[in-house]
Amino acid sequence: MLPTEGNTVPPRYRYEQIADDLAERIATGEFPPGSKLPSRRELIEHYGVTEPVIDRAMQVLRIKGMTETLPGVGVFVAE
């Protein structure tokens, strides 16, 4: 797709796309409150990205208050 004249929307980073996708999956109830999100390894395989990309996406969700991390246990959807 060719850029249109006057288009000022910058390209989005992959971690932003992944964070938005996960946020949408949370919003639609695929991952209800209190549920555990897939592991880092599963997310890396699902999205075909590297560990730092998944870590950044998870950081975005945590900052938005959508998830809580329990070290050594996993990442859970906030109640």
N, C-alpha and C. Protein backbone atom coordinates (compact mmCIF):
# COMPACT_ATOMS: atom_id res chain seq x y z
N MET A 1 0.85 -1.18 0.00
CA MET A 1 0.00 0.00 0.00
C MET A 1 0.90 1.24 0.00
N LEU A 2 0.61 2.15 -0.88
CA LEU A 2 1.39 3.37 -0.99
C LEU A 2 0.92 4.39 0.04
N PRO A 3 1.85 5.15 0.58
CA PRO A 3 1.43 6.17 1.54
C PRO A 3 0.60 7.23 0.84
N THR A 4 -0.40 7.72 1.53
CA THR A 4 -1.24 8.76 0.95
C THR A 4 -0.68 10.12 1.32
N GLU A 5 -0.95 11.08 0.49
CA GLU A 5 -0.46 12.44 0.73
C GLU A 5 -1.07 12.99 2.02
N GLY A 6 -0.26 13.56 2.87
CA GLY A 6 -0.75 14.14 4.10
C GLY A 6 -0.89 13.13 5.22
N ASN A 7 -0.52 11.88 4.98
CA ASN A 7 -0.61 10.84 6.01
C ASN A 7 0.49 11.07 7.04
N THR A 8 0.09 11.37 8.29
CA THR A 8 1.08 11.67 9.32
C THR A 8 1.13 10.59 10.39
N VAL A 9 0.46 9.46 10.17
CA VAL A 9 0.47 8.39 11.17
C VAL A 9 1.77 7.62 11.04
N PRO A 10 2.59 7.63 12.09
CA PRO A 10 3.87 6.91 12.01
C PRO A 10 3.64 5.40 12.03
N PRO A 11 4.57 4.62 11.49
CA PRO A 11 4.42 3.17 11.57
C PRO A 11 4.45 2.73 13.03
N ARG A 12 3.69 1.70 13.34
CA ARG A 12 3.62 1.25 14.73
C ARG A 12 4.64 0.15 14.97
N TYR A 13 5.21 0.17 16.16
CA TYR A 13 6.16 -0.87 16.54
C TYR A 13 5.43 -2.18 16.75
N ARG A 14 6.12 -3.29 16.54
CA ARG A 14 5.52 -4.61 16.68
C ARG A 14 5.01 -4.82 18.11
N TYR A 15 5.75 -4.36 19.11
CA TYR A 15 5.30 -4.57 20.49
C TYR A 15 3.98 -3.85 20.75
N GLU A 16 3.76 -2.71 20.08
CA GLU A 16 2.49 -1.99 20.23
C GLU A 16 1.35 -2.79 19.61
N GLN A 17 1.61 -3.39 18.47
CA GLN A 17 0.59 -4.21 17.81
C GLN A 17 0.23 -5.41 18.68
N ILE A 18 1.24 -6.03 19.28
CA ILE A 18 1.00 -7.19 20.13
C ILE A 18 0.25 -6.78 21.39
N ALA A 19 0.65 -5.66 22.01
CA ALA A 19 -0.05 -5.18 23.21
C ALA A 19 -1.51 -4.89 22.88
N ASP A 20 -1.76 -4.27 21.73
CA ASP A 20 -3.14 -3.98 21.32
C ASP A 20 -3.92 -5.26 21.08
N ASP A 21 -3.29 -6.24 20.46
CA ASP A 21 -3.96 -7.52 20.20
C ASP A 21 -4.32 -8.20 21.52
N LEU A 22 -3.37 -8.25 22.44
CA LEU A 22 -3.65 -8.87 23.74
C LEU A 22 -4.72 -8.10 24.51
N ALA A 23 -4.67 -6.76 24.44
CA ALA A 23 -5.69 -5.94 25.11
C ALA A 23 -7.07 -6.24 24.54
N GLU A 24 -7.14 -6.41 23.23
CA GLU A 24 -8.41 -6.74 22.58
C GLU A 24 -8.90 -8.12 23.02
N ARG A 25 -7.97 -9.07 23.11
CA ARG A 25 -8.34 -10.43 23.54
C ARG A 25 -8.82 -10.43 25.00
N ILE A 26 -8.24 -9.54 25.82
CA ILE A 26 -8.69 -9.39 27.21
C ILE A 26 -10.09 -8.76 27.21
N ALA A 27 -10.27 -7.70 26.41
CA ALA A 27 -11.55 -6.98 26.38
C ALA A 27 -12.70 -7.86 25.90
N THR A 28 -12.42 -8.78 24.98
CA THR A 28 -13.48 -9.64 24.45
C THR A 28 -13.74 -10.85 25.33
N GLY A 29 -12.95 -11.01 26.39
CA GLY A 29 -13.19 -12.11 27.32
C GLY A 29 -12.43 -13.39 27.01
N GLU A 30 -11.60 -13.36 25.99
CA GLU A 30 -10.77 -14.55 25.71
C GLU A 30 -9.87 -14.84 26.91
N PHE A 31 -9.39 -13.76 27.52
CA PHE A 31 -8.62 -13.86 28.76
C PHE A 31 -9.38 -13.06 29.82
N PRO A 32 -10.27 -13.71 30.58
CA PRO A 32 -11.07 -12.99 31.58
C PRO A 32 -10.23 -12.57 32.79
N PRO A 33 -10.76 -11.64 33.60
CA PRO A 33 -10.04 -11.20 34.80
C PRO A 33 -9.64 -12.39 35.67
N GLY A 34 -8.39 -12.36 36.14
CA GLY A 34 -7.88 -13.43 36.99
C GLY A 34 -7.24 -14.57 36.23
N SER A 35 -7.42 -14.60 34.90
CA SER A 35 -6.83 -15.70 34.13
C SER A 35 -5.36 -15.43 33.84
N LYS A 36 -4.64 -16.50 33.65
CA LYS A 36 -3.21 -16.42 33.35
C LYS A 36 -3.02 -16.30 31.85
N LEU A 37 -2.17 -15.36 31.45
CA LEU A 37 -1.86 -15.21 30.03
C LEU A 37 -0.90 -16.33 29.61
N PRO A 38 -0.82 -16.60 28.30
CA PRO A 38 0.16 -17.60 27.84
C PRO A 38 1.57 -17.22 28.29
N SER A 39 2.43 -18.22 28.36
CA SER A 39 3.81 -17.98 28.79
C SER A 39 4.56 -17.13 27.76
N ARG A 40 5.65 -16.56 28.19
CA ARG A 40 6.50 -15.76 27.29
C ARG A 40 6.87 -16.59 26.06
N ARG A 41 7.27 -17.85 26.28
CA ARG A 41 7.66 -18.73 25.18
C ARG A 41 6.50 -18.94 24.20
N GLU A 42 5.29 -19.16 24.74
CA GLU A 42 4.11 -19.36 23.87
C GLU A 42 3.81 -18.09 23.07
N LEU A 43 3.96 -16.93 23.70
CA LEU A 43 3.70 -15.67 23.00
C LEU A 43 4.75 -15.42 21.92
N ILE A 44 6.00 -15.75 22.21
CA ILE A 44 7.08 -15.61 21.22
C ILE A 44 6.76 -16.46 19.99
N GLU A 45 6.33 -17.69 20.22
CA GLU A 45 6.01 -18.60 19.11
C GLU A 45 4.75 -18.12 18.37
N HIS A 46 3.74 -17.69 19.12
CA HIS A 46 2.48 -17.26 18.51
C HIS A 46 2.67 -16.04 17.60
N TYR A 47 3.41 -15.05 18.09
CA TYR A 47 3.59 -13.80 17.34
C TYR A 47 4.84 -13.80 16.45
N GLY A 48 5.71 -14.79 16.61
CA GLY A 48 6.91 -14.88 15.78
C GLY A 48 7.88 -13.73 16.00
N VAL A 49 8.07 -13.37 17.28
CA VAL A 49 8.97 -12.26 17.62
C VAL A 49 9.98 -12.71 18.66
N THR A 50 10.85 -11.79 19.05
CA THR A 50 11.87 -12.10 20.05
C THR A 50 11.38 -11.78 21.46
N GLU A 51 12.12 -12.28 22.43
CA GLU A 51 11.77 -12.08 23.84
C GLU A 51 11.63 -10.60 24.23
N PRO A 52 12.57 -9.73 23.82
CA PRO A 52 12.42 -8.32 24.20
C PRO A 52 11.13 -7.69 23.67
N VAL A 53 10.66 -8.13 22.51
CA VAL A 53 9.42 -7.58 21.95
C VAL A 53 8.24 -7.96 22.84
N ILE A 54 8.19 -9.22 23.27
CA ILE A 54 7.12 -9.67 24.16
C ILE A 54 7.22 -8.96 25.51
N ASP A 55 8.43 -8.82 26.03
CA ASP A 55 8.62 -8.13 27.31
C ASP A 55 8.10 -6.70 27.24
N ARG A 56 8.36 -6.03 26.14
CA ARG A 56 7.90 -4.64 25.97
C ARG A 56 6.38 -4.59 25.88
N ALA A 57 5.78 -5.52 25.14
CA ALA A 57 4.32 -5.57 25.02
C ALA A 57 3.68 -5.81 26.39
N MET A 58 4.28 -6.71 27.18
CA MET A 58 3.75 -7.00 28.51
C MET A 58 3.90 -5.79 29.42
N GLN A 59 4.98 -5.04 29.24
CA GLN A 59 5.19 -3.83 30.03
C GLN A 59 4.08 -2.81 29.73
N VAL A 60 3.71 -2.69 28.47
CA VAL A 60 2.63 -1.77 28.09
C VAL A 60 1.33 -2.15 28.79
N LEU A 61 1.00 -3.45 28.78
CA LEU A 61 -0.24 -3.90 29.43
C LEU A 61 -0.19 -3.65 30.94
N ARG A 62 0.98 -3.86 31.54
CA ARG A 62 1.14 -3.65 32.98
C ARG A 62 0.97 -2.17 33.32
N ILE A 63 1.56 -1.29 32.51
CA ILE A 63 1.45 0.16 32.74
C ILE A 63 -0.01 0.61 32.61
N LYS A 64 -0.74 0.02 31.69
CA LYS A 64 -2.16 0.35 31.50
C LYS A 64 -3.05 -0.24 32.60
N GLY A 65 -2.44 -1.04 33.49
CA GLY A 65 -3.20 -1.63 34.58
C GLY A 65 -4.05 -2.83 34.16
N MET A 66 -3.73 -3.40 33.01
CA MET A 66 -4.52 -4.54 32.51
C MET A 66 -4.03 -5.88 33.02
N THR A 67 -2.76 -5.93 33.44
CA THR A 67 -2.19 -7.19 33.91
C THR A 67 -1.42 -6.99 35.20
N GLU A 68 -1.20 -8.10 35.89
CA GLU A 68 -0.37 -8.13 37.10
C GLU A 68 0.60 -9.29 36.94
N THR A 69 1.85 -9.06 37.31
CA THR A 69 2.86 -10.10 37.19
C THR A 69 3.19 -10.65 38.56
N LEU A 70 3.16 -11.96 38.69
CA LEU A 70 3.60 -12.63 39.91
C LEU A 70 4.91 -13.33 39.55
N PRO A 71 6.04 -12.79 40.04
CA PRO A 71 7.34 -13.36 39.68
C PRO A 71 7.41 -14.86 39.92
N GLY A 72 7.88 -15.58 38.92
CA GLY A 72 8.01 -17.03 39.02
C GLY A 72 6.70 -17.79 38.82
N VAL A 73 5.60 -17.06 38.68
CA VAL A 73 4.29 -17.70 38.50
C VAL A 73 3.72 -17.40 37.12
N GLY A 74 3.66 -16.11 36.77
CA GLY A 74 3.15 -15.74 35.46
C GLY A 74 2.50 -14.38 35.46
N VAL A 75 1.89 -14.07 34.33
CA VAL A 75 1.20 -12.79 34.14
C VAL A 75 -0.29 -13.07 34.11
N PHE A 76 -1.04 -12.31 34.91
CA PHE A 76 -2.47 -12.52 35.05
C PHE A 76 -3.24 -11.27 34.65
N VAL A 77 -4.45 -11.47 34.15
CA VAL A 77 -5.32 -10.35 33.80
C VAL A 77 -5.80 -9.74 35.11
N ALA A 78 -5.68 -8.42 35.22
CA ALA A 78 -6.09 -7.71 36.44
C ALA A 78 -7.59 -7.87 36.66
N GLU A 79 -7.98 -7.93 37.93
CA GLU A 79 -9.40 -8.06 38.28
C GLU A 79 -10.14 -6.77 37.99
